Amino acid sequence: MAEEKKVPAAPKKATAKANPSGWEKFVNGVKKLPQTIAKPFKDMYYELKRVTWPTKRKLIVYSVIVLVFMLLMGIVIGLFDLGASALVRALGSVAS
């Protein structure tokens, strides 16, 4: 049997520059600009398709809960404000 000779592989030639010039970067950036602008919108579209949207009934219930909570918090903050105002008036009348 004849022994096979191992031939070293020829070095690969670089077809593209390792470091493109500033002008080439600019041109490549301009070429990719529409894709760069469209990508976030495409991602958002696909993400919104995966969202589990609430039913109409749940949406109404959640909205009512939020409105009631806002009303209660408005009352609480209003009472704190009235109390703080009365306290400042009382301290003002004592100091004068």
Protein backbone atom coordinates (compact mmCIF):
# COMPACT_ATOMS: atom_id res chain seq x y z
CA MET A 1 0.00 0.00 0.00
CA ALA A 2 1.23 3.35 -0.90
CA GLU A 3 1.46 5.88 1.83
CA GLU A 4 -0.57 9.01 1.34
CA LYS A 5 1.31 12.25 1.53
CA LYS A 6 -0.31 15.00 3.52
CA VAL A 7 -0.32 18.17 1.53
CA PRO A 8 -0.62 21.32 3.61
CA ALA A 9 -3.72 23.32 2.78
CA ALA A 10 -3.17 26.54 0.91
CA PRO A 11 -3.72 29.61 3.06
CA LYS A 12 -7.12 31.18 2.53
CA LYS A 13 -7.15 34.55 0.89
CA ALA A 14 -9.12 37.25 2.62
CA THR A 15 -11.89 38.38 0.30
CA ALA A 16 -13.05 41.28 2.47
CA LYS A 17 -11.01 43.79 4.37
CA ALA A 18 -10.76 43.15 8.09
CA ASN A 19 -11.19 46.84 8.89
CA PRO A 20 -13.40 48.73 6.43
CA SER A 21 -12.67 52.39 5.94
CA GLY A 22 -14.88 55.13 7.31
CA TRP A 23 -16.47 55.69 3.91
CA GLU A 24 -17.34 52.00 3.53
CA LYS A 25 -18.88 51.98 7.02
CA PHE A 26 -20.98 55.01 6.08
CA VAL A 27 -22.18 53.46 2.82
CA ASN A 28 -23.01 50.15 4.56
CA GLY A 29 -24.87 52.06 7.26
CA VAL A 30 -26.93 53.94 4.69
CA LYS A 31 -27.73 50.69 2.87
CA LYS A 32 -28.93 49.08 6.11
CA LEU A 33 -30.86 52.15 7.33
CA PRO A 34 -34.35 50.98 6.24
CA GLN A 35 -33.80 47.58 7.89
CA THR A 36 -32.47 49.28 11.02
CA ILE A 37 -35.52 51.53 11.25
CA ALA A 38 -38.03 48.73 10.53
CA LYS A 39 -36.58 46.17 12.98
CA PRO A 40 -38.02 47.65 16.23
CA PHE A 41 -41.46 47.92 14.63
CA LYS A 42 -41.35 44.33 13.41
CA ASP A 43 -40.22 43.16 16.85
CA MET A 44 -43.04 45.14 18.48
CA TYR A 45 -45.60 43.65 16.07
CA TYR A 46 -44.53 40.08 16.81
CA GLU A 47 -44.40 40.77 20.55
CA LEU A 48 -47.93 42.24 20.54
CA LYS A 49 -49.21 39.13 18.75
CA ARG A 50 -47.96 37.06 21.70
CA VAL A 51 -49.76 39.19 24.32
CA THR A 52 -52.72 37.63 26.09
CA TRP A 53 -55.33 40.36 25.92
CA PRO A 54 -58.05 40.54 28.62
CA THR A 55 -61.67 39.92 27.76
CA LYS A 56 -64.09 42.84 27.63
CA ARG A 57 -65.54 41.90 31.01
CA LYS A 58 -62.12 41.68 32.69
CA LEU A 59 -61.09 44.99 31.14
CA ILE A 60 -64.16 46.70 32.60
CA VAL A 61 -63.59 45.10 36.03
CA TYR A 62 -59.93 46.12 36.09
CA SER A 63 -60.80 49.67 35.00
CA VAL A 64 -63.41 50.01 37.77
CA ILE A 65 -60.91 48.72 40.34
CA VAL A 66 -58.35 51.31 39.23
CA LEU A 67 -60.90 54.15 39.34
CA VAL A 68 -62.10 53.16 42.83
CA PHE A 69 -58.51 52.97 44.07
CA MET A 70 -57.77 56.42 42.62
CA LEU A 71 -60.88 57.83 44.31
CA LEU A 72 -59.90 56.34 47.67
CA MET A 73 -56.34 57.61 47.39
CA GLY A 74 -57.66 61.08 46.47
CA ILE A 75 -59.79 61.08 49.62
CA VAL A 76 -56.85 59.93 51.79
CA ILE A 77 -54.51 62.57 50.35
CA GLY A 78 -57.21 65.23 50.72
CA LEU A 79 -57.70 64.32 54.40
CA PHE A 80 -53.93 64.48 54.99
CA ASP A 81 -53.88 67.89 53.32
CA LEU A 82 -56.76 69.18 55.46
CA GLY A 83 -55.05 67.87 58.60
CA ALA A 84 -51.71 69.42 57.65
CA SER A 85 -53.42 72.76 56.86
CA ALA A 86 -55.21 72.75 60.21
CA LEU A 87 -51.96 71.92 61.98
CA VAL A 88 -50.10 74.77 60.25
CA ARG A 89 -52.95 77.20 61.10
CA ALA A 90 -52.93 76.03 64.74
CA LEU A 91 -49.14 76.41 65.02
CA GLY A 92 -49.35 79.83 63.31
CA SER A 93 -51.95 81.12 65.79
CA VAL A 94 -49.91 79.85 68.77
CA ALA A 95 -46.71 81.48 67.52
CA SER A 96 -48.31 84.94 67.01
